[in-house]
């Protein structure tokens, strides 16, 4: 049986920490995300942001500063965090 690509990307390293940070901060730039995630490499962060964007979990929005891109959760991303958060609290 094959795994749903949406579920597969959520299981990858850094996906849930990225979603969690965006959930709590609403909108973050690349460097702010990198700082908050501590040990993530720029390449890994870029790759994960791209994958999450492809699955409509987050979107990027250009800021007023042309060198800055902000990321935010879509409704799907908000619901994803909410569900995962509730599931992890089940005992």
Protein backbone atom coordinates (compact mmCIF):
# COMPACT_ATOMS: atom_id res chain seq x y z
CA UNK A 1 0.00 0.00 0.00
CA UNK A 2 1.38 3.42 -0.90
CA UNK A 3 1.46 6.34 1.50
CA UNK A 4 -0.40 9.54 0.71
CA UNK A 5 2.17 12.18 -0.44
CA UNK A 6 0.64 14.71 1.98
CA UNK A 7 1.23 12.36 4.92
CA UNK A 8 4.69 11.53 3.61
CA UNK A 9 5.82 15.18 3.62
CA UNK A 10 4.47 15.67 7.15
CA UNK A 11 6.63 12.77 8.32
CA UNK A 12 9.83 14.28 6.97
CA UNK A 13 12.28 15.89 9.33
CA UNK A 14 11.64 19.59 9.95
CA UNK A 15 8.12 19.62 8.47
CA UNK A 16 6.26 19.69 11.78
CA UNK A 17 8.68 22.14 13.47
CA UNK A 18 8.22 24.51 10.51
CA UNK A 19 4.44 24.19 10.73
CA UNK A 20 4.56 24.71 14.51
CA UNK A 21 6.66 27.89 14.20
CA UNK A 22 4.37 29.34 11.54
CA UNK A 23 1.30 28.42 13.57
CA UNK A 24 2.56 30.36 16.58
CA UNK A 25 4.09 33.30 14.70
CA UNK A 26 1.57 33.66 11.86
CA UNK A 27 4.13 34.89 9.30
CA UNK A 28 7.90 34.42 9.26
CA UNK A 29 10.74 35.16 6.90
CA UNK A 30 13.29 32.55 5.84
CA UNK A 31 16.06 33.77 8.16
CA UNK A 32 13.72 34.04 11.14
CA UNK A 33 12.53 30.46 10.55
CA UNK A 34 16.13 29.30 10.26
CA UNK A 35 17.02 31.06 13.52
CA UNK A 36 14.06 29.57 15.38
CA UNK A 37 14.74 26.05 14.09
CA UNK A 38 18.35 26.25 15.24
CA UNK A 39 20.10 23.30 13.52
CA UNK A 40 18.35 23.25 10.15
CA UNK A 41 20.58 23.95 7.16
CA UNK A 42 19.49 26.56 4.61
CA UNK A 43 19.30 23.85 1.93
CA UNK A 44 17.07 21.60 4.06
CA UNK A 45 14.84 24.50 5.06
CA UNK A 46 14.43 25.57 1.43
CA UNK A 47 13.62 22.02 0.39
CA UNK A 48 11.05 21.51 3.13
CA UNK A 49 9.40 24.91 2.50
CA UNK A 50 9.09 24.02 -1.18
CA UNK A 51 7.52 20.63 -0.40
CA UNK A 52 5.08 22.09 2.12
CA UNK A 53 4.15 24.76 -0.40
CA UNK A 54 3.56 22.16 -3.12
CA UNK A 55 1.07 20.44 -0.79
CA UNK A 56 -0.70 23.75 -0.06
CA UNK A 57 0.26 23.58 3.63
CA UNK A 58 1.99 26.94 3.48
CA UNK A 59 2.40 29.80 1.06
CA UNK A 60 5.03 32.38 0.52
CA UNK A 61 4.35 36.03 0.17
CA UNK A 62 6.80 38.65 -0.97
CA UNK A 63 7.40 41.35 1.61
CA UNK A 64 7.81 45.03 0.91
CA UNK A 65 11.55 44.48 1.06
CA UNK A 66 12.45 42.84 -2.28
CA UNK A 67 15.05 40.57 -0.66
CA UNK A 68 12.62 39.13 1.88
CA UNK A 69 10.03 36.40 1.45
CA UNK A 70 7.57 35.62 4.21
CA UNK A 71 5.89 32.28 4.80
CA UNK A 72 2.49 31.64 6.34
CA UNK A 73 0.18 28.68 6.86
CA UNK A 74 -2.81 28.13 4.62
CA UNK A 75 -6.10 26.92 6.10
CA UNK A 76 -4.91 23.40 5.35
CA UNK A 77 -1.73 24.12 7.32
CA UNK A 78 -3.67 25.51 10.30
CA UNK A 79 -5.93 22.46 10.35
CA UNK A 80 -2.94 20.14 9.98
CA UNK A 81 -1.25 21.62 13.03
CA UNK A 82 -4.46 21.55 15.04
CA UNK A 83 -5.11 17.86 14.27
CA UNK A 84 -1.51 16.73 14.87
CA UNK A 85 -1.41 18.73 18.11
CA UNK A 86 -4.59 17.06 19.35
CA UNK A 87 -3.38 13.59 18.33
CA UNK A 88 -0.11 13.99 20.20
CA UNK A 89 -2.00 14.86 23.39
CA UNK A 90 -4.04 11.65 23.36
CA UNK A 91 -2.94 9.22 26.05
